[in-house]
Amino acid sequence: MSDCISKIPLTRKSRTFIFLGGTAGLRLFEMQNPIYTNNLLNSTRTYFNSLGVHFTVPEYQVRIISGSEEGLSGWISTNILMDELLKNNKPLETYGVSDMG
């Protein structure tokens, strides 16, 4: 991870936002062990801080996301990678995404 962070130009570090979202497995784990899950999220925030990443809103940028957020993130990522959202600007001509867990 430190190698990835080191590739962010210094002039852009203050404008580079990182969001880490735990998905289905972590949602299930939280139901069984919420204290451990909270400690895991806090440790993750601490680790990224040690790499020089300072979260503006830590509890929002490192958290467990809902299934809807997970699906939407997958759809946005796919369509950005396929140049459908940023270049074509035709929201009705995008790729669909299916996540089977």
Protein backbone atom coordinates (compact mmCIF):
# COMPACT_ATOMS: atom_id res chain seq x y z
CA MET A 1 0.00 0.00 0.00
CA SER A 2 2.83 2.40 0.77
CA ASP A 3 4.07 1.95 -2.81
CA CYS A 4 0.67 3.02 -4.17
CA ILE A 5 0.49 6.04 -1.87
CA SER A 6 4.02 7.09 -2.82
CA LYS A 7 2.91 7.35 -6.46
CA ILE A 8 0.49 10.20 -5.66
CA PRO A 9 2.26 13.44 -6.63
CA LEU A 10 2.86 15.73 -3.65
CA THR A 11 0.94 18.50 -5.40
CA ARG A 12 -2.16 16.29 -5.48
CA LYS A 13 -2.02 14.60 -2.07
CA SER A 14 -4.29 17.16 -0.43
CA ARG A 15 -6.85 16.64 -3.22
CA THR A 16 -6.68 12.84 -3.33
CA PHE A 17 -9.45 11.23 -1.33
CA ILE A 18 -9.35 7.58 -0.34
CA PHE A 19 -12.47 5.68 0.64
CA LEU A 20 -12.33 2.14 2.01
CA GLY A 21 -15.59 0.25 2.22
CA GLY A 22 -16.06 -3.09 3.89
CA THR A 23 -18.60 -5.21 2.02
CA ALA A 24 -20.81 -8.26 2.62
CA GLY A 25 -18.31 -10.34 4.56
CA LEU A 26 -17.59 -7.53 6.96
CA ARG A 27 -21.30 -6.73 7.30
CA LEU A 28 -21.90 -10.34 8.39
CA PHE A 29 -18.87 -10.33 10.68
CA GLU A 30 -20.06 -7.12 12.35
CA MET A 31 -23.32 -8.83 13.35
CA GLN A 32 -21.34 -11.51 15.20
CA ASN A 33 -18.54 -9.39 16.61
CA PRO A 34 -19.15 -5.62 16.49
CA ILE A 35 -16.32 -4.75 18.90
CA TYR A 36 -13.69 -6.58 16.85
CA THR A 37 -15.07 -5.04 13.65
CA ASN A 38 -14.86 -1.54 15.14
CA ASN A 39 -11.27 -2.22 16.23
CA LEU A 40 -10.44 -3.43 12.72
CA LEU A 41 -11.80 -0.24 11.14
CA ASN A 42 -9.90 1.91 13.66
CA SER A 43 -6.68 -0.04 13.01
CA THR A 44 -7.15 0.49 9.28
CA ARG A 45 -7.51 4.25 9.80
CA THR A 46 -4.39 4.27 11.99
CA TYR A 47 -2.42 2.31 9.39
CA PHE A 48 -3.33 4.73 6.60
CA ASN A 49 -2.48 7.69 8.84
CA SER A 50 0.97 6.14 9.35
CA LEU A 51 1.38 6.21 5.55
CA GLY A 52 0.62 9.91 5.45
CA VAL A 53 -3.02 9.57 4.43
CA HIS A 54 -5.12 11.86 6.58
CA PHE A 55 -8.84 11.33 6.27
CA THR A 56 -11.05 14.41 6.30
CA VAL A 57 -13.93 12.43 7.84
CA PRO A 58 -12.35 9.14 9.04
CA GLU A 59 -15.61 7.49 10.13
CA TYR A 60 -17.06 8.04 6.66
CA GLN A 61 -13.99 7.27 4.57
CA VAL A 62 -13.25 3.93 6.29
CA ARG A 63 -16.48 2.12 7.10
CA ILE A 64 -18.79 -0.75 6.26
CA ILE A 65 -20.93 0.13 3.26
CA SER A 66 -24.43 -1.07 2.44
CA GLY A 67 -25.19 -3.53 -0.33
CA SER A 68 -26.69 -0.68 -2.36
CA GLU A 69 -23.50 1.37 -2.03
CA GLU A 70 -21.46 -1.67 -2.98
CA GLY A 71 -23.53 -2.21 -6.12
CA LEU A 72 -23.46 1.45 -7.10
CA SER A 73 -19.68 1.62 -6.62
CA GLY A 74 -19.26 -1.40 -8.90
CA TRP A 75 -21.48 0.16 -11.57
CA ILE A 76 -19.68 3.51 -11.42
CA SER A 77 -16.23 1.87 -11.51
CA THR A 78 -17.14 -0.34 -14.46
CA ASN A 79 -18.57 2.51 -16.50
CA ILE A 80 -15.64 4.82 -15.76
CA LEU A 81 -13.19 2.09 -16.78
CA MET A 82 -15.18 1.51 -19.98
CA ASP A 83 -15.20 5.29 -20.70
CA GLU A 84 -18.99 5.43 -20.63
CA LEU A 85 -19.53 8.01 -17.90
CA LEU A 86 -16.76 10.53 -18.39
CA LYS A 87 -16.26 10.55 -22.15
CA ASN A 88 -19.52 9.52 -23.80
CA ASN A 89 -21.80 11.30 -21.32
CA LYS A 90 -24.75 9.12 -22.36
CA PRO A 91 -26.24 7.80 -19.11
CA LEU A 92 -28.74 5.58 -20.94
CA GLU A 93 -25.95 3.76 -22.78
CA THR A 94 -23.99 2.35 -19.86
CA TYR A 95 -22.88 -1.14 -18.87
CA GLY A 96 -24.92 -3.13 -16.39
CA VAL A 97 -23.16 -4.90 -13.54
CA SER A 98 -24.07 -8.06 -11.65
CA ASP A 99 -22.39 -8.93 -8.35
CA MET A 100 -22.88 -12.51 -7.29
CA GLY A 101 -21.29 -12.11 -3.86
